[in-house]
């Protein structure tokens, strides 16, 4: 069951939102990168750069 927000200006916009939600696929992150809660910003940004760039 799903709930679509009612603040769409046209019914077509609601229908497009329904299609977008129905196409969503769940998945798992197979190799997560974990950091400690007290990690400094420089470590977090370095991890992001290493991972995605």
Foldseek 3Di string as FASTA:
>chain_A
DDDFDPPDPDVVVSVVVVVVVVPDDDDDDPDDDDDDPPDDPVVVVVVVVVVPD
